[in-house]
Amino acid sequence: RGGGANRVMVVDEGGRLVGIISASDVARWIQKRQTLAELAGDGGLPAGGRGE
């Protein structure tokens, strides 16, 4: 796993672009903010879709 090329755009609840992070950081980001609006990108990870 390790893909520096995998970039994910992070958008907050207001629809503002927070920044672009690596796909590996997405998991940590979701854990910190499970209420984040959407994670847009090729990976298309479902926000809060980890089912907790």
PDB file of N, CA and C in Angstrom:
ATOM      1  N   ARG A   1       0.862  -1.158   0.000  1.00  0.00           N
ATOM      2  CA  ARG A   1       0.000   0.000   0.000  1.00  0.00           C
ATOM      3  C   ARG A   1       0.879   1.181   0.000  1.00  0.00           C
ATOM      4  N   GLY A   2       0.962   2.147  -0.267  1.00  0.00           N
ATOM      5  CA  GLY A   2       1.802   3.225  -0.249  1.00  0.00           C
ATOM      6  C   GLY A   2       1.674   3.942  -1.485  1.00  0.00           C
ATOM      7  N   GLY A   3       0.848   4.804  -1.732  1.00  0.00           N
ATOM      8  CA  GLY A   3       0.771   5.437  -2.992  1.00  0.00           C
ATOM      9  C   GLY A   3       0.829   6.903  -2.829  1.00  0.00           C
ATOM     10  N   GLY A   4       1.941   7.485  -3.226  1.00  0.00           N
ATOM     11  CA  GLY A   4       2.038   8.936  -3.147  1.00  0.00           C
ATOM     12  C   GLY A   4       1.184   9.566  -4.217  1.00  0.00           C
ATOM     13  N   ALA A   5       0.858   8.799  -5.238  1.00  0.00           N
ATOM     14  CA  ALA A   5       0.090   9.345  -6.359  1.00  0.00           C
ATOM     15  C   ALA A   5      -1.396   9.406  -6.029  1.00  0.00           C
ATOM     16  N   ASN A   6      -1.789   8.674  -4.997  1.00  0.00           N
ATOM     17  CA  ASN A   6      -3.212   8.654  -4.626  1.00  0.00           C
ATOM     18  C   ASN A   6      -3.542   9.900  -3.813  1.00  0.00           C
ATOM     19  N   ARG A   7      -4.127  10.877  -4.459  1.00  0.00           N
ATOM     20  CA  ARG A   7      -4.459  12.113  -3.758  1.00  0.00           C
ATOM     21  C   ARG A   7      -5.966  12.226  -3.604  1.00  0.00           C
ATOM     22  N   VAL A   8      -6.399  12.707  -2.459  1.00  0.00           N
ATOM     23  CA  VAL A   8      -7.833  12.827  -2.201  1.00  0.00           C
ATOM     24  C   VAL A   8      -8.165  14.255  -1.801  1.00  0.00           C
ATOM     25  N   MET A   9      -9.180  14.807  -2.430  1.00  0.00           N
ATOM     26  CA  MET A   9      -9.608  16.159  -2.085  1.00  0.00           C
ATOM     27  C   MET A   9     -10.525  16.099  -0.873  1.00  0.00           C
ATOM     28  N   VAL A  10     -10.247  16.907   0.133  1.00  0.00           N
ATOM     29  CA  VAL A  10     -11.057  16.910   1.348  1.00  0.00           C
ATOM     30  C   VAL A  10     -11.972  18.126   1.356  1.00  0.00           C
ATOM     31  N   VAL A  11     -13.269  17.866   1.486  1.00  0.00           N
ATOM     32  CA  VAL A  11     -14.242  18.960   1.513  1.00  0.00           C
ATOM     33  C   VAL A  11     -14.972  18.955   2.855  1.00  0.00           C
ATOM     34  N   ASP A  12     -15.102  20.110   3.479  1.00  0.00           N
ATOM     35  CA  ASP A  12     -15.763  20.169   4.778  1.00  0.00           C
ATOM     36  C   ASP A  12     -17.277  20.230   4.615  1.00  0.00           C
ATOM     37  N   GLU A  13     -17.966  20.358   5.736  1.00  0.00           N
ATOM     38  CA  GLU A  13     -19.430  20.341   5.703  1.00  0.00           C
ATOM     39  C   GLU A  13     -19.985  21.489   4.872  1.00  0.00           C
ATOM     40  N   GLY A  14     -19.244  22.584   4.804  1.00  0.00           N
ATOM     41  CA  GLY A  14     -19.723  23.752   4.065  1.00  0.00           C
ATOM     42  C   GLY A  14     -19.431  23.651   2.579  1.00  0.00           C
ATOM     43  N   GLY A  15     -18.763  22.578   2.193  1.00  0.00           N
ATOM     44  CA  GLY A  15     -18.460  22.415   0.781  1.00  0.00           C
ATOM     45  C   GLY A  15     -17.170  23.123   0.388  1.00  0.00           C
ATOM     46  N   ARG A  16     -16.431  23.545   1.393  1.00  0.00           N
ATOM     47  CA  ARG A  16     -15.174  24.237   1.110  1.00  0.00           C
ATOM     48  C   ARG A  16     -14.044  23.225   0.984  1.00  0.00           C
ATOM     49  N   LEU A  17     -13.140  23.484   0.079  1.00  0.00           N
ATOM     50  CA  LEU A  17     -12.010  22.580  -0.107  1.00  0.00           C
ATOM     51  C   LEU A  17     -11.008  22.788   1.023  1.00  0.00           C
ATOM     52  N   VAL A  18     -10.875  21.774   1.869  1.00  0.00           N
ATOM     53  CA  VAL A  18      -9.962  21.875   3.007  1.00  0.00           C
ATOM     54  C   VAL A  18      -8.529  21.689   2.538  1.00  0.00           C
ATOM     55  N   GLY A  19      -8.338  20.741   1.640  1.00  0.00           N
ATOM     56  CA  GLY A  19      -6.993  20.499   1.134  1.00  0.00           C
ATOM     57  C   GLY A  19      -6.935  19.171   0.413  1.00  0.00           C
ATOM     58  N   ILE A  20      -5.744  18.827  -0.033  1.00  0.00           N
ATOM     59  CA  ILE A  20      -5.572  17.558  -0.737  1.00  0.00           C
ATOM     60  C   ILE A  20      -4.588  16.702   0.053  1.00  0.00           C
ATOM     61  N   ILE A  21      -5.033  15.527   0.457  1.00  0.00           N
ATOM     62  CA  ILE A  21      -4.180  14.657   1.265  1.00  0.00           C
ATOM     63  C   ILE A  21      -3.993  13.318   0.568  1.00  0.00           C
ATOM     64  N   SER A  22      -3.058  12.535   1.065  1.00  0.00           N
ATOM     65  CA  SER A  22      -2.817  11.226   0.467  1.00  0.00           C
ATOM     66  C   SER A  22      -3.893  10.253   0.914  1.00  0.00           C
ATOM     67  N   ALA A  23      -4.158   9.260   0.109  1.00  0.00           N
ATOM     68  CA  ALA A  23      -5.225   8.308   0.401  1.00  0.00           C
ATOM     69  C   ALA A  23      -4.974   7.602   1.726  1.00  0.00           C
ATOM     70  N   SER A  24      -3.712   7.415   2.081  1.00  0.00           N
ATOM     71  CA  SER A  24      -3.387   6.723   3.327  1.00  0.00           C
ATOM     72  C   SER A  24      -3.795   7.554   4.537  1.00  0.00           C
ATOM     73  N   ASP A  25      -3.882   8.862   4.356  1.00  0.00           N
ATOM     74  CA  ASP A  25      -4.257   9.743   5.460  1.00  0.00           C
ATOM     75  C   ASP A  25      -5.772   9.867   5.610  1.00  0.00           C
ATOM     76  N   VAL A  26      -6.492   9.394   4.603  1.00  0.00           N
ATOM     77  CA  VAL A  26      -7.951   9.510   4.625  1.00  0.00           C
ATOM     78  C   VAL A  26      -8.535   8.781   5.825  1.00  0.00           C
ATOM     79  N   ALA A  27      -8.030   7.594   6.104  1.00  0.00           N
ATOM     80  CA  ALA A  27      -8.537   6.801   7.227  1.00  0.00           C
ATOM     81  C   ALA A  27      -8.382   7.563   8.535  1.00  0.00           C
ATOM     82  N   ARG A  28      -7.243   8.184   8.726  1.00  0.00           N
ATOM     83  CA  ARG A  28      -7.013   8.953   9.952  1.00  0.00           C
ATOM     84  C   ARG A  28      -7.943  10.151  10.013  1.00  0.00           C
ATOM     85  N   TRP A  29      -8.162  10.761   8.849  1.00  0.00           N
ATOM     86  CA  TRP A  29      -9.010  11.947   8.789  1.00  0.00           C
ATOM     87  C   TRP A  29     -10.443  11.590   9.155  1.00  0.00           C
ATOM     88  N   ILE A  30     -10.910  10.435   8.647  1.00  0.00           N
ATOM     89  CA  ILE A  30     -12.276  10.004   8.938  1.00  0.00           C
ATOM     90  C   ILE A  30     -12.432   9.728  10.425  1.00  0.00           C
ATOM     91  N   GLN A  31     -11.411   9.158  11.036  1.00  0.00           N
ATOM     92  CA  GLN A  31     -11.479   8.852  12.462  1.00  0.00           C
ATOM     93  C   GLN A  31     -11.584  10.131  13.276  1.00  0.00           C
ATOM     94  N   LYS A  32     -10.923  11.173  12.815  1.00  0.00           N
ATOM     95  CA  LYS A  32     -10.960  12.447  13.532  1.00  0.00           C
ATOM     96  C   LYS A  32     -12.273  13.177  13.285  1.00  0.00           C
ATOM     97  N   ARG A  33     -12.756  13.110  12.042  1.00  0.00           N
ATOM     98  CA  ARG A  33     -13.991  13.829  11.722  1.00  0.00           C
ATOM     99  C   ARG A  33     -14.912  12.923  10.939  1.00  0.00           C
ATOM    100  N   GLN A  34     -15.680  12.133  11.639  1.00  0.00           N
ATOM    101  CA  GLN A  34     -16.587  11.204  10.981  1.00  0.00           C
ATOM    102  C   GLN A  34     -17.752  11.951  10.336  1.00  0.00           C
ATOM    103  N   THR A  35     -17.912  13.206  10.700  1.00  0.00           N
ATOM    104  CA  THR A  35     -19.051  13.966  10.180  1.00  0.00           C
ATOM    105  C   THR A  35     -18.657  14.791   8.964  1.00  0.00           C
ATOM    106  N   LEU A  36     -17.483  14.503   8.398  1.00  0.00           N
ATOM    107  CA  LEU A  36     -17.074  15.295   7.248  1.00  0.00           C
ATOM    108  C   LEU A  36     -17.958  15.017   6.057  1.00  0.00           C
ATOM    109  N   ALA A  37     -18.237  16.034   5.307  1.00  0.00           N
ATOM    110  CA  ALA A  37     -19.227  15.926   4.235  1.00  0.00           C
ATOM    111  C   ALA A  37     -18.868  14.845   3.223  1.00  0.00           C
ATOM    112  N   GLU A  38     -17.826  15.033   2.475  1.00  0.00           N
ATOM    113  CA  GLU A  38     -17.483  14.069   1.441  1.00  0.00           C
ATOM    114  C   GLU A  38     -15.989  14.018   1.198  1.00  0.00           C
ATOM    115  N   LEU A  39     -15.535  12.854   0.742  1.00  0.00           N
ATOM    116  CA  LEU A  39     -14.136  12.741   0.309  1.00  0.00           C
ATOM    117  C   LEU A  39     -14.174  12.498  -1.183  1.00  0.00           C
ATOM    118  N   ALA A  40     -13.769  13.467  -1.935  1.00  0.00           N
ATOM    119  CA  ALA A  40     -13.832  13.315  -3.383  1.00  0.00           C
ATOM    120  C   ALA A  40     -12.486  12.883  -3.943  1.00  0.00           C
ATOM    121  N   GLY A  41     -12.535  12.063  -4.956  1.00  0.00           N
ATOM    122  CA  GLY A  41     -11.292  11.586  -5.550  1.00  0.00           C
ATOM    123  C   GLY A  41     -11.519  10.301  -6.330  1.00  0.00           C
ATOM    124  N   ASP A  42     -10.492   9.799  -6.957  1.00  0.00           N
ATOM    125  CA  ASP A  42     -10.606   8.568  -7.734  1.00  0.00           C
ATOM    126  C   ASP A  42     -11.002   7.407  -6.831  1.00  0.00           C
ATOM    127  N   GLY A  43     -10.469   7.413  -5.606  1.00  0.00           N
ATOM    128  CA  GLY A  43     -10.757   6.322  -4.675  1.00  0.00           C
ATOM    129  C   GLY A  43     -12.226   6.336  -4.284  1.00  0.00           C
ATOM    130  N   GLY A  44     -12.807   7.516  -4.195  1.00  0.00           N
ATOM    131  CA  GLY A  44     -14.224   7.648  -3.879  1.00  0.00           C
ATOM    132  C   GLY A  44     -14.618   6.919  -2.611  1.00  0.00           C
ATOM    133  N   LEU A  45     -13.917   7.179  -1.517  1.00  0.00           N
ATOM    134  CA  LEU A  45     -14.238   6.517  -0.256  1.00  0.00           C
ATOM    135  C   LEU A  45     -15.533   7.098   0.310  1.00  0.00           C
ATOM    136  N   PRO A  46     -16.458   6.252   0.715  1.00  0.00           N
ATOM    137  CA  PRO A  46     -17.713   6.723   1.308  1.00  0.00           C
ATOM    138  C   PRO A  46     -17.455   7.341   2.675  1.00  0.00           C
ATOM    139  N   ALA A  47     -17.917   8.543   2.894  1.00  0.00           N
ATOM    140  CA  ALA A  47     -17.693   9.209   4.171  1.00  0.00           C
ATOM    141  C   ALA A  47     -18.406   8.463   5.290  1.00  0.00           C
ATOM    142  N   GLY A  48     -17.680   8.088   6.319  1.00  0.00           N
ATOM    143  CA  GLY A  48     -18.279   7.376   7.443  1.00  0.00           C
ATOM    144  C   GLY A  48     -18.812   6.022   7.033  1.00  0.00           C
ATOM    145  N   GLY A  49     -18.273   5.457   5.985  1.00  0.00           N
ATOM    146  CA  GLY A  49     -18.773   4.169   5.491  1.00  0.00           C
ATOM    147  C   GLY A  49     -18.090   2.989   6.143  1.00  0.00           C
ATOM    148  N   ARG A  50     -17.279   3.268   7.151  1.00  0.00           N
ATOM    149  CA  ARG A  50     -16.576   2.185   7.834  1.00  0.00           C
ATOM    150  C   ARG A  50     -17.527   1.400   8.730  1.00  0.00           C
ATOM    151  N   GLY A  51     -18.696   1.922   9.007  1.00  0.00           N
ATOM    152  CA  GLY A  51     -19.708   1.192   9.776  1.00  0.00           C
ATOM    153  C   GLY A  51     -19.329   0.983  11.212  1.00  0.00           C
ATOM    154  N   GLU A  52     -19.378   2.031  12.024  1.00  0.00           N
ATOM    155  CA  GLU A  52     -19.094   1.866  13.443  1.00  0.00           C
ATOM    156  C   GLU A  52     -20.327   2.187  14.238  1.00  0.00           C
TER     157      GLU A  52
END
